[in-house]
Protein backbone atom coordinates (compact mmCIF):
# COMPACT_ATOMS: atom_id res chain seq x y z
CA MET A 1 20.93 89.79 186.42
CA THR A 2 21.55 90.93 182.85
CA TYR A 3 24.53 89.89 180.76
CA ILE A 4 26.22 91.28 177.67
CA ARG A 5 27.24 88.40 175.46
CA THR A 6 29.87 88.52 172.74
CA SER A 7 31.30 85.62 170.79
CA ARG A 8 34.01 85.21 173.44
CA ALA A 9 32.56 86.52 176.69
CA ALA A 10 29.49 87.09 178.81
CA VAL A 11 29.78 90.04 181.18
CA ALA A 12 27.42 90.83 184.04
CA VAL A 13 25.91 94.30 183.75
CA THR A 14 25.53 95.97 187.11
CA SER A 15 25.58 99.72 186.45
CA VAL A 16 22.63 101.88 185.44
CA GLU A 17 24.64 103.42 182.59
CA SER A 18 25.28 99.97 181.12
CA SER A 19 21.55 99.28 180.90
CA SER A 20 21.26 101.47 177.79
CA SER A 21 23.76 99.30 175.91
CA HIS A 22 23.05 96.70 173.28
CA PHE A 23 22.41 93.31 174.85
CA ALA A 24 22.49 89.83 173.43
CA HIS A 25 20.34 87.24 175.17
CA GLY A 26 20.34 83.47 174.97
CA ASN A 27 22.33 82.01 172.09
CA GLY A 28 22.91 85.37 170.40
CA SER A 29 20.25 84.95 167.71
CA HIS A 30 17.88 87.45 169.35
CA ARG A 31 19.30 90.92 169.97
CA GLN A 32 17.70 94.02 171.33
CA GLY A 33 18.99 97.36 172.51
CA SER A 34 18.66 101.09 172.57
CA SER A 35 20.81 103.76 171.05
CA SER A 36 18.62 106.64 172.19
CA PRO A 37 20.23 109.84 173.51
CA LYS A 38 20.87 110.09 177.23
CA GLN A 39 19.43 112.83 179.41
CA THR A 40 22.37 115.08 178.51
CA GLY A 41 21.18 115.17 174.88
CA HIS A 42 24.30 113.43 173.56
CA ALA A 43 23.87 110.33 171.44
CA VAL A 44 25.54 107.26 172.92
CA GLN A 45 27.28 104.96 170.50
CA THR A 46 28.54 101.62 171.81
CA LEU A 47 30.62 99.21 169.74
CA TRP A 48 31.34 95.71 171.03
CA ALA A 49 34.64 94.03 170.22
CA SER A 50 34.71 90.63 168.53
CA ARG A 51 37.90 89.95 170.52
CA PRO A 52 38.35 91.32 174.04
CA LEU A 53 41.74 92.81 174.89
CA THR A 54 43.26 91.56 178.13
CA VAL A 55 44.95 94.33 180.12
CA ARG A 56 46.21 94.52 183.70
CA ALA A 57 42.86 95.84 185.01
CA GLY A 58 40.69 93.21 183.28
CA ARG A 59 39.34 92.62 179.78
CA LEU A 60 38.32 95.41 177.42
CA VAL A 61 35.14 94.37 175.59
CA ALA A 62 33.68 97.55 174.09
CA VAL A 63 34.16 101.17 173.10
CA ARG A 64 31.58 103.87 173.88
CA LEU A 65 31.35 107.42 172.58
CA LYS A 66 29.01 109.76 174.44
CA GLY A 67 29.16 113.21 172.88
CA ASP A 68 32.91 113.73 172.57
CA VAL A 69 33.85 111.55 175.59
CA LEU A 70 35.39 108.16 174.77
CA ARG A 71 35.16 105.28 177.26
CA VAL A 72 36.06 101.60 177.07
CA GLY A 73 34.09 98.75 178.63
CA LEU A 74 36.26 97.05 181.23
CA ALA A 75 35.01 93.61 182.29
CA THR A 76 36.19 92.62 185.75
CA ALA A 77 35.04 90.11 188.35
CA ASP A 78 32.73 92.84 189.69
CA GLY A 79 31.01 93.44 186.33
CA LEU A 80 31.33 95.94 183.50
CA ARG A 81 32.70 99.44 184.12
CA TRP A 82 33.06 102.27 181.62
CA VAL A 83 36.50 103.87 182.09
CA SER A 84 38.82 106.27 180.32
CA PRO A 85 41.05 104.40 177.85
CA ASP A 86 44.10 106.36 179.04
CA GLY A 87 43.84 104.74 182.46
CA VAL A 88 43.83 101.13 181.28
CA MET A 89 45.77 100.85 178.01
CA THR A 90 48.61 102.38 176.03
CA ALA A 91 48.34 103.86 172.54
CA ALA A 92 50.16 100.79 171.19
CA GLN A 93 47.62 98.46 172.83
CA ALA A 94 44.76 100.52 171.38
CA MET A 95 46.25 100.25 167.88
CA ALA A 96 46.79 96.49 168.25
CA TRP A 97 43.22 96.00 169.53
CA SER A 98 41.73 97.96 166.64
CA LYS A 99 43.66 95.79 164.15
CA MET A 100 42.84 92.39 165.71
CA SER A 101 39.16 92.96 166.52
CA ARG A 102 36.03 93.93 164.62
CA PHE A 103 33.67 96.30 166.40
CA SER A 104 29.92 96.10 165.96
CA ARG A 105 26.84 97.62 167.52
CA ASN A 106 25.31 94.24 168.46
CA GLY A 107 28.18 92.52 170.19
């Protein structure tokens, strides 16, 4: 099983879409990943949060932009899912998260 590791969390990656994300293995000193375009031709940009945001549905750990579609990485007991931000957080929560967390490509 593969995990995405941030400074505060390790999340199991179970979906095929998540496999194109940036991964951190071991103690975080060795990072590898891919930011190549998907089959649709749209570049995928994934930014990992230095501080996850806890919401009712789980913990938000990342933001992903694929073309003009924005998704957030929702870590749950079942693994990481990419969901619409409107379904899991309010605009006020999004603003608070952007102020309290740094977002980077390497997690």
